[in-house]
Amino acid sequence: MENMVKKLGSWFFLIGVCIALIVGFVFGLGQTLNTNLTSWDNPVSILLAVLGFFVGVFSFFALGAITQERVPTFLIASLILVALAVIPTTTSIYYFKDLAPIFSNITKYLAIFVAPVALILIIRVLWDSARAKELIQSK
């Protein structure tokens, strides 16, 4: 049963990343071509956030794609990804103006997916560090 739940957590992670990449590319291409896709922004964002929440819950209990050893690397990568999503990319990719909306949307949707995972894993890291300190003091 535990092996099946681990596979499910890994599949949720893979599906979330694929959806974020595809939607980010399509929405970015739509902005480049002046196509209005803003009516799909909220439902896709909610879907990615919910998928991210489930991946975070699976990872909290060490049942997902993010194992205990990979948590620090994942948290650093998610911090960088969220920072990239916040920074306006239109000025940083000046010579590639058609790629700026695509890059911006891909990082935005990946950050929407990864942020709940990172938040839940941060809670896990804080919990583990507080628990370890408590055990050391009790000995």
N, C-alpha and C. Protein backbone atom coordinates (compact mmCIF):
# COMPACT_ATOMS: atom_id res chain seq x y z
N MET A 1 0.83 -1.21 0.00
CA MET A 1 0.00 0.00 0.00
C MET A 1 0.86 1.25 0.00
N GLU A 2 1.94 1.24 0.82
CA GLU A 2 2.81 2.41 0.91
C GLU A 2 3.51 2.68 -0.41
N ASN A 3 3.89 1.61 -1.12
CA ASN A 3 4.56 1.77 -2.41
C ASN A 3 3.62 2.41 -3.42
N MET A 4 2.34 2.05 -3.37
CA MET A 4 1.36 2.63 -4.29
C MET A 4 1.15 4.12 -3.99
N VAL A 5 1.14 4.49 -2.73
CA VAL A 5 0.97 5.89 -2.34
C VAL A 5 2.20 6.70 -2.76
N LYS A 6 3.40 6.12 -2.64
CA LYS A 6 4.61 6.80 -3.10
C LYS A 6 4.55 7.06 -4.60
N LYS A 7 4.08 6.07 -5.35
CA LYS A 7 3.95 6.25 -6.81
C LYS A 7 2.92 7.33 -7.12
N LEU A 8 1.84 7.37 -6.36
CA LEU A 8 0.82 8.38 -6.57
C LEU A 8 1.37 9.78 -6.31
N GLY A 9 2.15 9.93 -5.25
CA GLY A 9 2.78 11.21 -4.96
C GLY A 9 3.74 11.63 -6.05
N SER A 10 4.50 10.68 -6.57
CA SER A 10 5.42 10.99 -7.66
C SER A 10 4.68 11.36 -8.93
N TRP A 11 3.58 10.67 -9.20
CA TRP A 11 2.78 11.00 -10.39
C TRP A 11 2.14 12.38 -10.26
N PHE A 12 1.64 12.72 -9.07
CA PHE A 12 1.09 14.06 -8.87
C PHE A 12 2.14 15.13 -9.14
N PHE A 13 3.36 14.89 -8.68
CA PHE A 13 4.44 15.85 -8.91
C PHE A 13 4.72 15.99 -10.40
N LEU A 14 4.84 14.88 -11.09
CA LEU A 14 5.12 14.91 -12.52
C LEU A 14 3.98 15.57 -13.30
N ILE A 15 2.75 15.26 -12.96
CA ILE A 15 1.60 15.86 -13.64
C ILE A 15 1.56 17.35 -13.39
N GLY A 16 1.81 17.79 -12.16
CA GLY A 16 1.81 19.22 -11.84
C GLY A 16 2.87 19.98 -12.62
N VAL A 17 4.07 19.43 -12.69
CA VAL A 17 5.14 20.10 -13.45
C VAL A 17 4.79 20.16 -14.93
N CYS A 18 4.26 19.07 -15.48
CA CYS A 18 3.87 19.07 -16.91
C CYS A 18 2.76 20.07 -17.19
N ILE A 19 1.77 20.13 -16.34
CA ILE A 19 0.68 21.10 -16.53
C ILE A 19 1.22 22.52 -16.46
N ALA A 20 2.08 22.78 -15.48
CA ALA A 20 2.64 24.13 -15.33
C ALA A 20 3.46 24.52 -16.55
N LEU A 21 4.27 23.60 -17.06
CA LEU A 21 5.08 23.91 -18.24
C LEU A 21 4.22 24.14 -19.48
N ILE A 22 3.25 23.27 -19.70
CA ILE A 22 2.39 23.40 -20.89
C ILE A 22 1.55 24.65 -20.82
N VAL A 23 0.90 24.88 -19.69
CA VAL A 23 0.05 26.05 -19.54
C VAL A 23 0.88 27.33 -19.61
N GLY A 24 2.04 27.34 -18.98
CA GLY A 24 2.90 28.52 -19.05
C GLY A 24 3.33 28.82 -20.48
N PHE A 25 3.67 27.79 -21.22
CA PHE A 25 4.06 27.99 -22.61
C PHE A 25 2.90 28.49 -23.46
N VAL A 26 1.73 27.85 -23.30
CA VAL A 26 0.56 28.23 -24.11
C VAL A 26 0.09 29.65 -23.76
N PHE A 27 0.01 29.97 -22.47
CA PHE A 27 -0.42 31.31 -22.08
C PHE A 27 0.60 32.36 -22.49
N GLY A 28 1.89 32.03 -22.39
CA GLY A 28 2.92 32.97 -22.83
C GLY A 28 2.88 33.18 -24.32
N LEU A 29 2.66 32.11 -25.07
CA LEU A 29 2.52 32.23 -26.52
C LEU A 29 1.27 33.01 -26.87
N GLY A 30 0.21 32.83 -26.08
CA GLY A 30 -1.01 33.60 -26.30
C GLY A 30 -0.79 35.09 -26.07
N GLN A 31 0.01 35.44 -25.07
CA GLN A 31 0.33 36.86 -24.86
C GLN A 31 1.16 37.41 -26.01
N THR A 32 2.08 36.60 -26.51
CA THR A 32 2.90 37.04 -27.63
C THR A 32 2.05 37.27 -28.87
N LEU A 33 1.04 36.42 -29.07
CA LEU A 33 0.18 36.54 -30.25
C LEU A 33 -1.06 37.37 -29.99
N ASN A 34 -1.12 38.04 -28.84
CA ASN A 34 -2.25 38.89 -28.43
C ASN A 34 -3.57 38.13 -28.40
N THR A 35 -3.54 36.91 -27.90
CA THR A 35 -4.74 36.10 -27.71
C THR A 35 -5.13 36.18 -26.24
N ASN A 36 -6.41 36.41 -25.99
CA ASN A 36 -6.88 36.58 -24.62
C ASN A 36 -7.23 35.23 -24.00
N LEU A 37 -6.40 34.76 -23.09
CA LEU A 37 -6.64 33.50 -22.38
C LEU A 37 -6.81 33.73 -20.88
N THR A 38 -7.09 34.95 -20.48
CA THR A 38 -7.14 35.27 -19.05
C THR A 38 -8.30 34.60 -18.33
N SER A 39 -9.33 34.16 -19.03
CA SER A 39 -10.45 33.51 -18.36
C SER A 39 -10.04 32.13 -17.80
N TRP A 40 -8.96 31.56 -18.30
CA TRP A 40 -8.49 30.27 -17.83
C TRP A 40 -7.45 30.39 -16.72
N ASP A 41 -7.03 31.60 -16.41
CA ASP A 41 -5.95 31.80 -15.45
C ASP A 41 -6.31 31.30 -14.05
N ASN A 42 -7.46 31.68 -13.53
CA ASN A 42 -7.85 31.27 -12.18
C ASN A 42 -8.08 29.77 -12.03
N PRO A 43 -8.83 29.12 -12.93
CA PRO A 43 -9.00 27.67 -12.75
C PRO A 43 -7.70 26.88 -12.83
N VAL A 44 -6.81 27.28 -13.73
CA VAL A 44 -5.52 26.58 -13.85
C VAL A 44 -4.67 26.83 -12.61
N SER A 45 -4.68 28.05 -12.11
CA SER A 45 -3.91 28.36 -10.90
C SER A 45 -4.43 27.57 -9.70
N ILE A 46 -5.73 27.45 -9.57
CA ILE A 46 -6.32 26.68 -8.47
C ILE A 46 -5.96 25.21 -8.61
N LEU A 47 -6.04 24.68 -9.82
CA LEU A 47 -5.68 23.28 -10.06
C LEU A 47 -4.23 23.02 -9.68
N LEU A 48 -3.32 23.90 -10.09
CA LEU A 48 -1.91 23.73 -9.77
C LEU A 48 -1.65 23.86 -8.27
N ALA A 49 -2.32 24.79 -7.62
CA ALA A 49 -2.15 24.96 -6.18
C ALA A 49 -2.66 23.74 -5.42
N VAL A 50 -3.77 23.18 -5.84
CA VAL A 50 -4.32 21.97 -5.18
C VAL A 50 -3.40 20.78 -5.41
N LEU A 51 -2.90 20.62 -6.64
CA LEU A 51 -1.94 19.55 -6.91
C LEU A 51 -0.68 19.74 -6.05
N GLY A 52 -0.21 20.97 -5.95
CA GLY A 52 0.94 21.26 -5.11
C GLY A 52 0.68 20.94 -3.65
N PHE A 53 -0.52 21.22 -3.18
CA PHE A 53 -0.88 20.88 -1.80
C PHE A 53 -0.81 19.37 -1.57
N PHE A 54 -1.36 18.59 -2.50
CA PHE A 54 -1.32 17.14 -2.36
C PHE A 54 0.11 16.61 -2.41
N VAL A 55 0.92 17.15 -3.31
CA VAL A 55 2.33 16.74 -3.38
C VAL A 55 3.02 17.08 -2.07
N GLY A 56 2.71 18.25 -1.52
CA GLY A 56 3.30 18.64 -0.23
C GLY A 56 2.88 17.72 0.89
N VAL A 57 1.62 17.33 0.92
CA VAL A 57 1.15 16.42 1.97
C VAL A 57 1.82 15.06 1.83
N PHE A 58 1.91 14.55 0.59
CA PHE A 58 2.61 13.28 0.39
C PHE A 58 4.07 13.38 0.82
N SER A 59 4.71 14.50 0.48
CA SER A 59 6.12 14.67 0.84
C SER A 59 6.30 14.89 2.34
N PHE A 60 5.32 15.50 2.99
CA PHE A 60 5.37 15.70 4.44
C PHE A 60 5.50 14.36 5.16
N PHE A 61 4.79 13.38 4.68
CA PHE A 61 4.84 12.05 5.28
C PHE A 61 5.85 11.13 4.60
N ALA A 62 6.75 11.72 3.81
CA ALA A 62 7.81 11.00 3.09
C ALA A 62 7.23 9.94 2.16
N LEU A 63 6.14 10.27 1.49
CA LEU A 63 5.49 9.34 0.58
C LEU A 63 5.47 9.85 -0.86
N GLY A 64 6.24 10.86 -1.17
CA GLY A 64 6.19 11.42 -2.51
C GLY A 64 7.52 11.39 -3.20
N ALA A 65 7.63 12.23 -4.20
CA ALA A 65 8.84 12.30 -5.00
C ALA A 65 9.99 12.98 -4.26
N ILE A 66 9.66 13.77 -3.26
CA ILE A 66 10.67 14.54 -2.54
C ILE A 66 10.99 13.79 -1.24
N THR A 67 12.15 13.16 -1.23
CA THR A 67 12.55 12.38 -0.07
C THR A 67 13.22 13.29 0.96
N GLN A 68 13.48 12.74 2.13
CA GLN A 68 14.09 13.48 3.23
C GLN A 68 15.43 14.10 2.82
N GLU A 69 16.21 13.36 2.05
CA GLU A 69 17.53 13.84 1.64
C GLU A 69 17.44 14.97 0.61
N ARG A 70 16.37 15.02 -0.14
CA ARG A 70 16.21 16.02 -1.20
C ARG A 70 15.49 17.28 -0.75
N VAL A 71 15.00 17.31 0.47
CA VAL A 71 14.24 18.46 0.94
C VAL A 71 15.04 19.77 0.90
N PRO A 72 16.29 19.82 1.40
CA PRO A 72 17.02 21.10 1.34
C PRO A 72 17.24 21.59 -0.09
N THR A 73 17.57 20.67 -1.00
CA THR A 73 17.76 21.05 -2.40
C THR A 73 16.46 21.55 -3.00
N PHE A 74 15.35 20.88 -2.70
CA PHE A 74 14.07 21.30 -3.22
C PHE A 74 13.67 22.67 -2.70
N LEU A 75 13.92 22.93 -1.42
CA LEU A 75 13.55 24.22 -0.85
C LEU A 75 14.39 25.36 -1.44
N ILE A 76 15.66 25.12 -1.68
CA ILE A 76 16.49 26.15 -2.32
C ILE A 76 16.02 26.39 -3.75
N ALA A 77 15.74 25.32 -4.48
CA ALA A 77 15.27 25.46 -5.86
C ALA A 77 13.92 26.17 -5.92
N SER A 78 13.02 25.86 -4.98
CA SER A 78 11.72 26.52 -4.98
C SER A 78 11.84 27.99 -4.61
N LEU A 79 12.76 28.32 -3.73
CA LEU A 79 13.00 29.72 -3.40
C LEU A 79 13.47 30.50 -4.63
N ILE A 80 14.40 29.92 -5.36
CA ILE A 80 14.88 30.58 -6.58
C ILE A 80 13.77 30.68 -7.61
N LEU A 81 12.96 29.65 -7.74
CA LEU A 81 11.86 29.67 -8.72
C LEU A 81 10.83 30.73 -8.37
N VAL A 82 10.46 30.83 -7.11
CA VAL A 82 9.49 31.86 -6.72
C VAL A 82 10.08 33.25 -6.91
N ALA A 83 11.37 33.42 -6.64
CA ALA A 83 12.01 34.72 -6.89
C ALA A 83 12.00 35.05 -8.39
N LEU A 84 12.25 34.07 -9.22
CA LEU A 84 12.19 34.29 -10.67
C LEU A 84 10.79 34.66 -11.14
N ALA A 85 9.79 34.07 -10.50
CA ALA A 85 8.41 34.35 -10.89
C ALA A 85 8.00 35.77 -10.50
N VAL A 86 8.60 36.30 -9.45
CA VAL A 86 8.23 37.63 -8.97
C VAL A 86 8.95 38.73 -9.76
N ILE A 87 10.19 38.46 -10.16
CA ILE A 87 10.98 39.46 -10.89
C ILE A 87 10.40 39.63 -12.29
N PRO A 88 10.16 40.87 -12.70
CA PRO A 88 9.66 41.07 -14.07
C PRO A 88 10.73 40.68 -15.09
N THR A 89 10.36 39.83 -16.01
CA THR A 89 11.34 39.30 -16.96
C THR A 89 11.40 40.09 -18.26
N THR A 90 10.51 41.03 -18.45
CA THR A 90 10.52 41.76 -19.71
C THR A 90 11.77 42.61 -19.86
N THR A 91 12.33 43.09 -18.77
CA THR A 91 13.55 43.88 -18.87
C THR A 91 14.78 43.00 -18.95
N SER A 92 14.74 41.80 -18.36
CA SER A 92 15.92 40.95 -18.37
C SER A 92 16.11 40.22 -19.69
N ILE A 93 15.07 40.06 -20.47
CA ILE A 93 15.19 39.41 -21.77
C ILE A 93 14.85 40.45 -22.85
N TYR A 94 15.57 41.52 -22.85
CA TYR A 94 15.26 42.64 -23.74
C TYR A 94 15.38 42.26 -25.21
N TYR A 95 16.40 41.52 -25.55
CA TYR A 95 16.63 41.20 -26.96
C TYR A 95 15.74 40.07 -27.47
N PHE A 96 15.10 39.37 -26.58
CA PHE A 96 14.19 38.29 -26.96
C PHE A 96 12.79 38.63 -26.46
N LYS A 97 12.21 39.68 -26.99
CA LYS A 97 10.93 40.18 -26.48
C LYS A 97 9.80 39.17 -26.65
N ASP A 98 9.88 38.31 -27.67
CA ASP A 98 8.83 37.32 -27.86
C ASP A 98 8.92 36.17 -26.86
N LEU A 99 10.09 35.95 -26.30
CA LEU A 99 10.26 34.88 -25.33
C LEU A 99 9.95 35.31 -23.90
N ALA A 100 9.94 36.60 -23.64
CA ALA A 100 9.72 37.09 -22.28
C ALA A 100 8.38 36.65 -21.69
N PRO A 101 7.25 36.77 -22.42
CA PRO A 101 5.99 36.30 -21.83
C PRO A 101 5.96 34.80 -21.60
N ILE A 102 6.60 34.05 -22.48
CA ILE A 102 6.62 32.59 -22.31
C ILE A 102 7.42 32.23 -21.06
N PHE A 103 8.60 32.79 -20.92
CA PHE A 103 9.43 32.52 -19.74
C PHE A 103 8.72 32.98 -18.47
N SER A 104 8.12 34.14 -18.52
CA SER A 104 7.43 34.68 -17.36
C SER A 104 6.26 33.79 -16.93
N ASN A 105 5.48 33.33 -17.88
CA ASN A 105 4.33 32.48 -17.54
C ASN A 105 4.76 31.09 -17.07
N ILE A 106 5.80 30.54 -17.66
CA ILE A 106 6.28 29.23 -17.20
C ILE A 106 6.75 29.32 -15.75
N THR A 107 7.54 30.34 -15.44
CA THR A 107 8.01 30.47 -14.05
C THR A 107 6.85 30.77 -13.10
N LYS A 108 5.88 31.55 -13.58
CA LYS A 108 4.72 31.87 -12.73
C LYS A 108 3.94 30.61 -12.35
N TYR A 109 3.62 29.78 -13.34
CA TYR A 109 2.81 28.60 -13.05
C TYR A 109 3.61 27.52 -12.32
N LEU A 110 4.91 27.42 -12.59
CA LEU A 110 5.72 26.51 -11.79
C LEU A 110 5.78 26.96 -10.34
N ALA A 111 5.87 28.27 -10.13
CA ALA A 111 5.90 28.80 -8.76
C ALA A 111 4.57 28.58 -8.06
N ILE A 112 3.46 28.71 -8.78
CA ILE A 112 2.15 28.45 -8.18
C ILE A 112 2.04 26.99 -7.75
N PHE A 113 2.63 26.09 -8.53
CA PHE A 113 2.60 24.67 -8.18
C PHE A 113 3.56 24.34 -7.03
N VAL A 114 4.73 24.94 -7.03
CA VAL A 114 5.76 24.59 -6.07
C VAL A 114 5.57 25.27 -4.71
N ALA A 115 4.95 26.43 -4.68
CA ALA A 115 4.82 27.18 -3.42
C ALA A 115 4.10 26.39 -2.32
N PRO A 116 2.97 25.73 -2.57
CA PRO A 116 2.36 24.95 -1.48
C PRO A 116 3.23 23.79 -1.02
N VAL A 117 3.93 23.16 -1.96
CA VAL A 117 4.83 22.07 -1.59
C VAL A 117 5.91 22.60 -0.66
N ALA A 118 6.52 23.72 -1.04
CA ALA A 118 7.59 24.30 -0.24
C ALA A 118 7.08 24.71 1.14
N LEU A 119 5.90 25.29 1.20
CA LEU A 119 5.34 25.71 2.49
C LEU A 119 5.14 24.52 3.42
N ILE A 120 4.60 23.45 2.91
CA ILE A 120 4.37 22.26 3.74
C ILE A 120 5.70 21.63 4.15
N LEU A 121 6.67 21.62 3.24
CA LEU A 121 7.98 21.05 3.60
C LEU A 121 8.72 21.93 4.60
N ILE A 122 8.52 23.24 4.53
CA ILE A 122 9.11 24.14 5.53
C ILE A 122 8.53 23.83 6.90
N ILE A 123 7.24 23.60 6.96
CA ILE A 123 6.61 23.24 8.23
C ILE A 123 7.21 21.93 8.75
N ARG A 124 7.44 20.98 7.84
CA ARG A 124 8.04 19.69 8.24
C ARG A 124 9.47 19.89 8.77
N VAL A 125 10.26 20.71 8.08
CA VAL A 125 11.63 20.96 8.51
C VAL A 125 11.65 21.64 9.87
N LEU A 126 10.78 22.63 10.07
CA LEU A 126 10.71 23.30 11.37
C LEU A 126 10.26 22.34 12.46
N TRP A 127 9.32 21.50 12.14
CA TRP A 127 8.84 20.51 13.11
C TRP A 127 9.96 19.55 13.49
N ASP A 128 10.68 19.05 12.48
CA ASP A 128 11.77 18.12 12.75
C ASP A 128 12.89 18.76 13.56
N SER A 129 13.22 20.00 13.23
CA SER A 129 14.30 20.66 13.97
C SER A 129 13.88 20.96 15.41
N ALA A 130 12.64 21.34 15.63
CA ALA A 130 12.17 21.58 17.00
C ALA A 130 12.10 20.28 17.79
N ARG A 131 11.68 19.23 17.15
CA ARG A 131 11.57 17.94 17.82
C ARG A 131 12.95 17.40 18.17
N ALA A 132 13.91 17.56 17.27
CA ALA A 132 15.27 17.08 17.53
C ALA A 132 15.89 17.83 18.70
N LYS A 133 15.66 19.14 18.77
CA LYS A 133 16.20 19.93 19.86
C LYS A 133 15.57 19.49 21.19
N GLU A 134 14.29 19.22 21.17
CA GLU A 134 13.59 18.77 22.37
C GLU A 134 14.17 17.43 22.85
N LEU A 135 14.46 16.53 21.94
CA LEU A 135 15.01 15.24 22.31
C LEU A 135 16.42 15.38 22.90
N ILE A 136 17.22 16.29 22.34
CA ILE A 136 18.57 16.48 22.83
C ILE A 136 18.54 17.06 24.26
N GLN A 137 17.62 18.00 24.52
CA GLN A 137 17.55 18.61 25.84
C GLN A 137 17.03 17.63 26.88
N SER A 138 16.22 16.68 26.51
CA SER A 138 15.65 15.75 27.48
C SER A 138 16.65 14.67 27.92
N LYS A 139 17.74 14.48 27.17
CA LYS A 139 18.72 13.44 27.53
C LYS A 139 19.67 13.91 28.53
